[in-house]
Amino acid sequence: MTSQGNGGWTAWPSAEALSRLGVPRVRMVIDGIVWASMTIWVLWTAYGAGVFRGAAVVVPVAGAALCAVAAHAYERLTRLNRLLPAVGALGVVALVGAGSYAAGARSPASILWIMCAVQAMARLPLAAALPVSAAVLAAHAVNDDGGMEPAFLGFGIVIIGYALRLDAQARGAGFRLLAQERAARTAEAESAALAERARIAREIHDVLAHSLSAQMVHLEAARIQIEQGADRAQILERVVAARGMAREGLAETRQALSALRGEMAAVEPFLRELVVPSGGVTLAVSGERRPLSAEASQTVRRVAQEALTNVRKHAPGATVRILLVYGEGEVVLDVRDSGATGAAGHAGELTASGCGYGLLGMRERAELLGGSLEAGPDGKGYAVLLRVPA
């Protein structure tokens, strides 16, 4: 027999159907009451037959105990899909019924045989359940006075057993679907948590990359000035600027954490603060202003920061124009510089010394939002164009 098939003749009921998974506590209590009532009924009819007297008075109790052990074994064996041992356990109950019939107690025998037929239909593969049910119902028919009643009763017993089987299958299927839904929800929650962790890691990485890159530019410039014997005030200016960038990096990290908690300031004030300490940088805003999502706002911020950092590294002294456009369904950030001026004498050394985070991370960030980022030469300078849905 196959273990748990697709409902064919040789397929066992599902593991969930053969177990008590998903059975309400009330249903379990009712089942216990039914089995206790059946046991009392069997004992009552056995003693009522008047054939168990004297030393034989313990026979019905012993028979009931044997049937209880066999029924428990039958339940466990069917869960394990052990066909022959399970049929053997039912056979023990049927033999107890046969002994009761032989002793003259026919009613207990009929009850036990009917229970065997019902349980066979409920828990065995149909290819085995039908022959087993037919055998025990045939024994019950012999016990009857004749007529058509045994046939109708046998048919009804088979229907009851099969109905119990279908009920257990439906319950098992429902429990299985519920378990799958819970597993899917757990996987979805884990996926969301991983995505959130990745977003936090990306945000902190971007902040630190910008801050450390800017500090590196100032410190490397200070190193070059020291090597060339520059004035102490000029060197100190670079060191102070690097310290300021470190403070800004700490503030930006706090801003990033606030943004992740939904405490996001508007984009324009941030860009204006970014422009003020940067000489030669202008900002223009066009379009109908509106609030941006946290992700879109952070992307605009980071791209603007990275673009300005690249200008300081690769084109010292260049003028920069930042244009923020609120378009239909999107926001556009356009950053263009005029190219290096006379101060580019040290540009090669500064470029070689930078950490080189670049715009690759910004492009990935934009694409995650369904946007795009284009960067490339623009005349003597360089242009960065960001588009994100908003």
Protein backbone atom coordinates (compact mmCIF):
# COMPACT_ATOMS: atom_id res chain seq x y z
CA MET A 1 0.00 0.00 0.00
CA THR A 2 1.22 3.50 -0.78
CA SER A 3 1.92 5.76 2.19
CA GLN A 4 -0.28 8.79 1.54
CA GLY A 5 -1.40 8.99 -2.01
CA ASN A 6 -3.74 11.11 -4.00
CA GLY A 7 -6.93 9.46 -2.74
CA GLY A 8 -6.63 6.21 -4.73
CA TRP A 9 -7.75 2.77 -3.59
CA THR A 10 -4.39 1.88 -2.10
CA ALA A 11 -3.69 5.27 -0.51
CA TRP A 12 -3.79 5.81 3.22
CA PRO A 13 -5.58 8.85 4.62
CA SER A 14 -3.20 11.77 5.16
CA ALA A 15 -0.99 11.90 8.23
CA GLU A 16 -3.00 14.88 9.51
CA ALA A 17 -6.26 12.95 9.07
CA LEU A 18 -4.92 9.95 11.00
CA SER A 19 -3.66 12.13 13.84
CA ARG A 20 -5.44 14.51 16.16
CA LEU A 21 -3.78 17.60 14.72
CA GLY A 22 -6.27 20.42 14.47
CA VAL A 23 -9.00 18.60 16.41
CA PRO A 24 -10.78 21.09 18.71
CA ARG A 25 -10.63 20.32 22.42
CA VAL A 26 -14.43 20.10 22.54
CA ARG A 27 -14.39 17.49 19.77
CA MET A 28 -11.80 15.45 21.67
CA VAL A 29 -13.94 15.56 24.81
CA ILE A 30 -17.00 14.45 22.83
CA ASP A 31 -15.02 11.59 21.27
CA GLY A 32 -13.90 10.48 24.72
CA ILE A 33 -17.49 10.51 25.95
CA VAL A 34 -18.62 8.48 22.92
CA TRP A 35 -15.94 5.82 23.43
CA ALA A 36 -16.68 5.63 27.17
CA SER A 37 -20.40 5.27 26.39
CA MET A 38 -19.70 2.50 23.88
CA THR A 39 -17.60 0.64 26.44
CA ILE A 40 -20.34 0.93 29.07
CA TRP A 41 -22.92 -0.21 26.52
CA VAL A 42 -20.87 -3.28 25.59
CA LEU A 43 -20.41 -4.23 29.25
CA TRP A 44 -24.08 -3.56 30.02
CA THR A 45 -25.34 -5.75 27.21
CA ALA A 46 -22.77 -8.43 28.02
CA TYR A 47 -23.90 -8.73 31.63
CA GLY A 48 -27.52 -8.27 30.57
CA ALA A 49 -27.28 -11.43 28.49
CA GLY A 50 -26.95 -13.40 31.75
CA VAL A 51 -24.25 -15.77 30.45
CA PHE A 52 -21.28 -14.44 32.42
CA ARG A 53 -21.72 -15.71 35.97
CA GLY A 54 -19.52 -17.04 38.68
CA ALA A 55 -15.86 -17.10 37.70
CA ALA A 56 -16.81 -15.87 34.20
CA VAL A 57 -18.04 -12.55 35.60
CA VAL A 58 -14.63 -11.00 34.87
CA VAL A 59 -14.65 -12.09 31.23
CA PRO A 60 -16.53 -9.01 29.86
CA VAL A 61 -14.18 -6.64 31.73
CA ALA A 62 -11.12 -8.53 30.48
CA GLY A 63 -12.55 -8.52 26.95
CA ALA A 64 -13.22 -4.77 27.13
CA ALA A 65 -9.67 -4.14 28.36
CA LEU A 66 -8.26 -6.26 25.52
CA CYS A 67 -10.37 -4.34 23.00
CA ALA A 68 -9.14 -1.02 24.44
CA VAL A 69 -5.51 -2.10 24.05
CA ALA A 70 -6.17 -3.34 20.51
CA ALA A 71 -7.97 -0.10 19.60
CA HIS A 72 -5.05 1.98 20.88
CA ALA A 73 -2.60 -0.17 18.94
CA TYR A 74 -4.78 0.13 15.83
CA GLU A 75 -4.71 3.93 16.04
CA ARG A 76 -0.92 4.03 16.37
CA LEU A 77 -0.34 1.43 13.63
CA THR A 78 -2.54 3.29 11.16
CA ARG A 79 -0.57 6.48 11.85
CA LEU A 80 2.54 4.51 10.88
CA ASN A 81 0.78 3.09 7.79
CA ARG A 82 1.39 -0.49 8.98
CA LEU A 83 -1.39 -2.34 7.17
CA LEU A 84 -1.08 -5.97 8.31
CA PRO A 85 -0.46 -5.16 12.00
CA ALA A 86 -3.37 -2.68 11.91
CA VAL A 87 -5.68 -5.30 10.40
CA GLY A 88 -4.44 -7.71 13.06
CA ALA A 89 -5.40 -5.24 15.81
CA LEU A 90 -8.90 -5.00 14.32
CA GLY A 91 -8.95 -8.79 14.16
CA VAL A 92 -8.39 -8.95 17.92
CA VAL A 93 -11.51 -6.85 18.50
CA ALA A 94 -13.46 -8.96 16.01
CA LEU A 95 -12.34 -12.16 17.78
CA VAL A 96 -13.49 -10.76 21.12
CA GLY A 97 -16.85 -10.17 19.46
CA ALA A 98 -16.83 -13.73 18.13
CA GLY A 99 -16.11 -15.03 21.64
CA SER A 100 -19.01 -12.99 23.00
CA TYR A 101 -21.25 -14.38 20.27
CA ALA A 102 -20.16 -17.94 21.02
CA ALA A 103 -20.88 -17.42 24.73
CA GLY A 104 -24.40 -16.33 23.91
CA ALA A 105 -23.99 -12.54 24.27
CA ARG A 106 -24.95 -11.48 20.76
CA SER A 107 -25.50 -7.76 21.28
CA PRO A 108 -21.92 -7.03 22.44
CA ALA A 109 -20.67 -9.02 19.44
CA SER A 110 -22.74 -6.91 17.02
CA ILE A 111 -21.51 -3.68 18.61
CA LEU A 112 -17.86 -4.74 18.37
CA TRP A 113 -18.19 -5.90 14.76
CA ILE A 114 -19.92 -2.67 13.74
CA MET A 115 -17.15 -0.65 15.41
CA CYS A 116 -14.55 -2.69 13.49
CA ALA A 117 -16.29 -1.95 10.18
CA VAL A 118 -16.57 1.77 10.91
CA GLN A 119 -12.92 2.08 11.98
CA ALA A 120 -11.73 0.09 8.95
CA MET A 121 -13.54 2.47 6.59
CA ALA A 122 -12.30 5.52 8.51
CA ARG A 123 -8.58 4.72 8.77
CA LEU A 124 -7.47 1.99 6.32
CA PRO A 125 -6.77 2.24 2.58
CA LEU A 126 -10.04 1.55 0.74
CA ALA A 127 -8.57 -1.54 -0.92
CA ALA A 128 -8.22 -3.06 2.56
CA ALA A 129 -11.09 -1.28 4.31
CA LEU A 130 -13.83 -2.71 2.07
CA PRO A 131 -12.83 -6.41 2.47
CA VAL A 132 -12.34 -6.00 6.22
CA SER A 133 -15.70 -4.25 6.58
CA ALA A 134 -17.38 -6.90 4.44
CA ALA A 135 -15.94 -9.67 6.61
CA VAL A 136 -17.06 -8.25 9.96
CA LEU A 137 -20.45 -7.20 8.56
CA ALA A 138 -20.94 -10.71 7.22
CA ALA A 139 -20.38 -11.98 10.75
CA HIS A 140 -22.95 -9.46 11.95
CA ALA A 141 -25.42 -10.61 9.29
CA VAL A 142 -25.08 -14.20 10.50
CA ASN A 143 -25.96 -12.94 13.96
CA ASP A 144 -29.14 -11.33 12.63
CA ASP A 145 -32.51 -13.01 12.20
CA GLY A 146 -32.44 -12.54 8.43
CA GLY A 147 -34.33 -10.37 5.97
CA MET A 148 -33.11 -7.23 4.26
CA GLU A 149 -32.30 -5.34 7.46
CA PRO A 150 -28.68 -6.59 7.73
CA ALA A 151 -27.93 -5.44 4.19
CA PHE A 152 -29.34 -1.97 4.78
CA LEU A 153 -27.60 -1.75 8.15
CA GLY A 154 -24.30 -2.85 6.63
CA PHE A 155 -24.60 -0.26 3.87
CA GLY A 156 -25.32 2.44 6.46
CA ILE A 157 -22.31 1.39 8.54
CA VAL A 158 -20.03 1.63 5.50
CA ILE A 159 -21.40 5.10 4.71
CA ILE A 160 -20.85 6.25 8.31
CA GLY A 161 -17.27 5.00 8.29
CA TYR A 162 -16.57 6.66 4.95
CA ALA A 163 -18.13 9.92 6.18
CA LEU A 164 -15.80 9.87 9.18
CA ARG A 165 -12.92 9.30 6.76
CA LEU A 166 -13.91 12.30 4.62
CA ASP A 167 -14.34 14.46 7.72
CA ALA A 168 -10.85 13.56 8.93
CA GLN A 169 -9.41 14.20 5.46
CA ALA A 170 -11.05 17.63 5.30
CA ARG A 171 -9.78 18.49 8.77
CA GLY A 172 -6.29 17.30 7.86
CA ALA A 173 -6.29 19.32 4.63
CA GLY A 174 -7.40 22.42 6.52
CA PHE A 175 -4.69 21.95 9.12
CA ARG A 176 -2.08 21.43 6.40
CA LEU A 177 -3.15 24.60 4.59
CA LEU A 178 -3.07 26.52 7.86
CA ALA A 179 0.46 25.27 8.55
CA GLN A 180 1.53 26.28 5.04
CA GLU A 181 0.01 29.74 5.50
CA ARG A 182 1.83 30.17 8.81
CA ALA A 183 5.08 29.06 7.21
CA ALA A 184 4.52 31.53 4.36
CA ARG A 185 3.85 34.35 6.82
CA THR A 186 6.96 33.46 8.79
CA ALA A 187 9.04 33.43 5.61
CA GLU A 188 7.53 36.76 4.56
CA ALA A 189 8.32 38.29 7.96
CA GLU A 190 11.89 36.97 7.80
CA SER A 191 12.26 38.34 4.28
CA ALA A 192 10.97 41.74 5.37
CA ALA A 193 13.36 41.74 8.33
CA LEU A 194 16.29 40.90 6.05
CA ALA A 195 15.27 43.62 3.61
CA GLU A 196 15.05 46.14 6.45
CA ARG A 197 18.49 45.11 7.72
CA ALA A 198 19.88 45.50 4.22
CA ARG A 199 18.31 48.95 3.93
CA ILE A 200 19.79 50.03 7.27
CA ALA A 201 23.21 48.63 6.33
CA ARG A 202 23.09 50.37 2.94
CA GLU A 203 22.08 53.66 4.54
CA ILE A 204 24.82 53.60 7.17
CA HIS A 205 27.35 52.48 4.57
CA ASP A 206 26.46 55.36 2.28
CA VAL A 207 26.69 57.91 5.10
CA LEU A 208 30.08 56.67 6.26
CA ALA A 209 31.40 56.35 2.71
CA HIS A 210 30.53 59.98 1.98
CA SER A 211 31.86 61.31 5.29
CA LEU A 212 35.12 59.35 5.25
CA SER A 213 35.72 60.15 1.59
CA ALA A 214 35.36 63.88 2.25
CA GLN A 215 37.65 63.67 5.27
CA MET A 216 40.21 61.82 3.17
CA VAL A 217 40.19 64.61 0.61
CA HIS A 218 40.95 67.28 3.23
CA LEU A 219 43.54 65.22 5.06
CA GLU A 220 45.32 64.29 1.83
CA ALA A 221 45.34 67.95 0.82
CA ALA A 222 46.87 68.76 4.21
CA ARG A 223 49.54 66.10 3.64
CA ILE A 224 50.42 67.55 0.25
CA GLN A 225 50.61 71.05 1.72
CA ILE A 226 52.92 69.83 4.49
CA GLU A 227 55.20 68.14 1.96
CA GLN A 228 55.33 71.35 -0.08
CA GLY A 229 56.01 73.50 2.98
CA ALA A 230 52.73 75.39 2.87
CA ASP A 231 51.77 77.96 5.45
CA ARG A 232 50.67 76.57 8.82
CA ALA A 233 47.34 78.41 8.60
CA GLN A 234 46.51 76.70 5.30
CA ILE A 235 47.34 73.29 6.75
CA LEU A 236 45.28 74.02 9.85
CA GLU A 237 42.37 75.06 7.64
CA ARG A 238 42.40 71.63 5.98
CA VAL A 239 42.59 69.81 9.31
CA VAL A 240 39.71 71.88 10.71
CA ALA A 241 37.71 71.11 7.57
CA ALA A 242 38.36 67.39 8.04
CA ARG A 243 37.21 67.67 11.64
CA GLY A 244 34.09 69.45 10.45
CA MET A 245 33.41 66.65 7.99
CA ALA A 246 33.73 64.15 10.83
CA ARG A 247 31.12 66.08 12.80
CA GLU A 248 28.90 66.28 9.75
CA GLY A 249 29.29 62.53 9.27
CA LEU A 250 28.13 61.92 12.83
CA ALA A 251 25.16 64.23 12.31
CA GLU A 252 24.31 62.53 9.01
CA THR A 253 24.43 59.14 10.70
CA ARG A 254 21.93 60.39 13.26
CA GLN A 255 19.80 61.81 10.44
CA ALA A 256 19.90 58.46 8.66
CA LEU A 257 18.74 56.64 11.78
CA SER A 258 15.97 59.22 12.22
CA ALA A 259 14.97 58.72 8.60
CA LEU A 260 14.75 54.98 9.12
CA ARG A 261 12.34 55.71 11.99
CA GLY A 262 10.28 57.92 9.68
CA GLU A 263 11.55 61.22 11.14
CA MET A 264 12.52 62.68 7.77
CA ALA A 265 13.19 66.36 7.09
CA ALA A 266 12.32 67.86 3.70
CA VAL A 267 14.80 67.44 0.84
CA GLU A 268 15.17 71.11 -0.08
CA PRO A 269 16.38 72.35 3.33
CA PHE A 270 18.90 69.52 3.37
CA LEU A 271 20.22 70.46 -0.08
CA ARG A 272 20.47 74.13 0.91
CA GLU A 273 22.47 73.16 4.01
CA LEU A 274 24.66 71.05 1.74
CA VAL A 275 25.23 73.96 -0.63
CA VAL A 276 26.06 76.68 1.95
CA PRO A 277 29.50 75.40 3.07
CA SER A 278 30.46 74.48 -0.49
CA GLY A 279 31.76 77.49 -2.40
CA GLY A 280 30.76 77.78 -6.04
CA VAL A 281 27.64 75.64 -5.66
CA THR A 282 24.17 76.86 -6.65
CA LEU A 283 20.78 75.23 -6.11
CA ALA A 284 17.60 75.63 -8.16
CA VAL A 285 14.24 73.95 -7.58
CA SER A 286 11.37 73.72 -10.08
CA GLY A 287 8.04 71.96 -10.31
CA GLU A 288 5.21 71.55 -7.84
CA ARG A 289 6.78 70.82 -4.47
CA ARG A 290 5.41 67.81 -2.60
CA PRO A 291 6.53 65.44 0.16
CA LEU A 292 8.68 62.51 -0.97
CA SER A 293 8.78 59.01 0.42
CA ALA A 294 11.57 58.23 2.88
CA GLU A 295 13.35 56.04 0.32
CA ALA A 296 13.15 58.62 -2.49
CA SER A 297 14.21 61.44 -0.17
CA GLN A 298 17.22 59.51 1.11
CA THR A 299 18.27 58.61 -2.43
CA VAL A 300 18.19 62.27 -3.53
CA ARG A 301 20.23 63.25 -0.47
CA ARG A 302 22.87 60.58 -0.94
CA VAL A 303 23.31 61.21 -4.68
CA ALA A 304 23.72 64.95 -4.08
CA GLN A 305 26.30 64.29 -1.37
CA GLU A 306 28.21 61.79 -3.48
CA ALA A 307 28.21 64.08 -6.52
CA LEU A 308 29.60 67.01 -4.50
CA THR A 309 32.22 64.76 -2.91
CA ASN A 310 33.33 63.61 -6.36
CA VAL A 311 33.63 67.22 -7.50
CA ARG A 312 35.84 68.07 -4.52
CA LYS A 313 37.99 65.00 -5.20
CA HIS A 314 38.28 65.10 -8.99
CA ALA A 315 37.61 68.74 -9.93
CA PRO A 316 38.79 71.08 -7.15
CA GLY A 317 37.67 74.66 -7.73
CA ALA A 318 34.90 73.77 -10.18
CA THR A 319 31.53 75.48 -10.00
CA VAL A 320 28.54 73.21 -9.46
CA ARG A 321 24.88 73.62 -10.40
CA ILE A 322 22.28 71.48 -8.61
CA LEU A 323 18.80 71.33 -10.11
CA LEU A 324 15.92 69.58 -8.32
CA VAL A 325 12.83 69.06 -10.50
CA TYR A 326 9.47 67.79 -9.22
CA GLY A 327 8.08 66.11 -12.33
CA GLU A 328 4.93 64.13 -12.97
CA GLY A 329 5.31 60.88 -11.06
CA GLU A 330 9.03 61.37 -10.51
CA VAL A 331 11.66 63.64 -9.03
CA VAL A 332 14.83 64.52 -10.96
CA LEU A 333 18.16 65.59 -9.50
CA ASP A 334 20.65 67.08 -11.97
CA VAL A 335 24.18 67.87 -10.70
CA ARG A 336 26.70 69.36 -13.17
CA ASP A 337 30.15 70.85 -12.63
CA SER A 338 32.30 73.06 -14.86
CA GLY A 339 35.44 70.95 -14.61
CA ALA A 340 38.70 71.51 -12.74
CA THR A 341 40.19 75.03 -12.64
CA GLY A 342 43.65 76.25 -11.73
CA ALA A 343 43.46 74.49 -8.38
CA ALA A 344 43.60 71.18 -10.21
CA GLY A 345 47.33 71.06 -9.81
CA HIS A 346 46.91 68.60 -7.00
CA ALA A 347 43.83 66.87 -8.43
CA GLY A 348 45.76 63.84 -9.62
CA GLU A 349 47.22 63.21 -6.18
CA LEU A 350 43.89 63.79 -4.48
CA THR A 351 42.12 61.44 -6.86
CA ALA A 352 44.70 58.74 -6.31
CA SER A 353 44.32 59.04 -2.55
CA GLY A 354 40.51 58.98 -2.33
CA CYS A 355 38.55 55.97 -1.14
CA GLY A 356 36.68 55.80 -4.45
CA TYR A 357 33.25 54.69 -3.29
CA GLY A 358 31.80 56.20 -6.49
CA LEU A 359 28.26 56.30 -7.80
CA LEU A 360 27.82 52.55 -8.19
CA GLY A 361 26.04 52.28 -4.85
CA MET A 362 23.85 55.26 -5.76
CA ARG A 363 22.86 53.63 -9.04
CA GLU A 364 21.92 50.43 -7.20
CA ARG A 365 19.89 52.45 -4.70
CA ALA A 366 18.00 54.21 -7.52
CA GLU A 367 17.29 50.95 -9.35
CA LEU A 368 15.89 49.40 -6.17
CA LEU A 369 13.25 52.15 -6.24
CA GLY A 370 12.51 51.64 -9.94
CA GLY A 371 14.50 54.72 -10.95
CA SER A 372 17.75 55.32 -12.80
CA LEU A 373 21.04 57.14 -12.45
CA GLU A 374 23.20 58.37 -15.32
CA ALA A 375 26.69 59.75 -14.83
CA GLY A 376 29.28 60.82 -17.39
CA PRO A 377 31.35 63.64 -18.92
CA ASP A 378 29.57 66.87 -19.80
CA GLY A 379 31.85 69.13 -21.81
CA LYS A 380 34.82 69.95 -19.58
CA GLY A 381 32.92 68.87 -16.50
CA TYR A 382 30.84 65.98 -15.29
CA ALA A 383 27.08 65.42 -14.94
CA VAL A 384 25.00 63.19 -12.66
CA LEU A 385 21.31 62.72 -13.48
CA LEU A 386 19.01 60.90 -11.03
CA ARG A 387 15.39 59.93 -11.65
CA VAL A 388 13.28 58.22 -8.99
CA PRO A 389 9.51 57.62 -8.81
CA ALA A 390 7.79 60.04 -6.46
